[in-house]
Amino acid sequence: MFEQASVSEISANKLIDLLNNEPKLSPTLLGYKGSTLALQAKYTINPIKKLKYFNDGKSLLEKAIINDPQNIELRYLRLAIQTNIPTFLNYYKNIDSDKILLLGAIKSRSISDADLLKKIIHFLNQCKQISPAEKNQLNTK
């Protein structure tokens, strides 16, 4: 659903509604809720609402990462957000550490979820912050 939320406001709203109805969110689900809230900023033209969605989403994602700092999926979500937002939002300080963690997890083959692994590799291959040498290593796995 998150992939659809990144291209559809209706899907983003459905995912937020679904997550809001969960009585207790795991760190991973909390991270998806935060990421989806941050995504909703792109679906509004009101700059105050944009900033509120982004800041609320960022706070939830950071809370999730604090609760589960080695969670590959959460670090992937944060890297995806940080590499795709304007730098004036000042949310880019974790790009290198998240990139290193993800590349290390791929190299050590510690990502057991094949679908997640495929998504991360696809994302990293598209990411401007990944060097050609790093992309070449991804494509040899």
Foldseek 3Di string as FASTA:
>chain_A
DLVVLLPDVVVLVVLLVVLVPDPDDQLLSLLSNLLSLLSCLVVDPPPVSNVVSNVSSVVSLVVSCVVPVLPLNSLLSLLVVLQPDDCVVVRNVCNVVSVVSLLVCVVVVVDPPPVVNVVSLVVLCVGPPRDPVSNVVSVVD
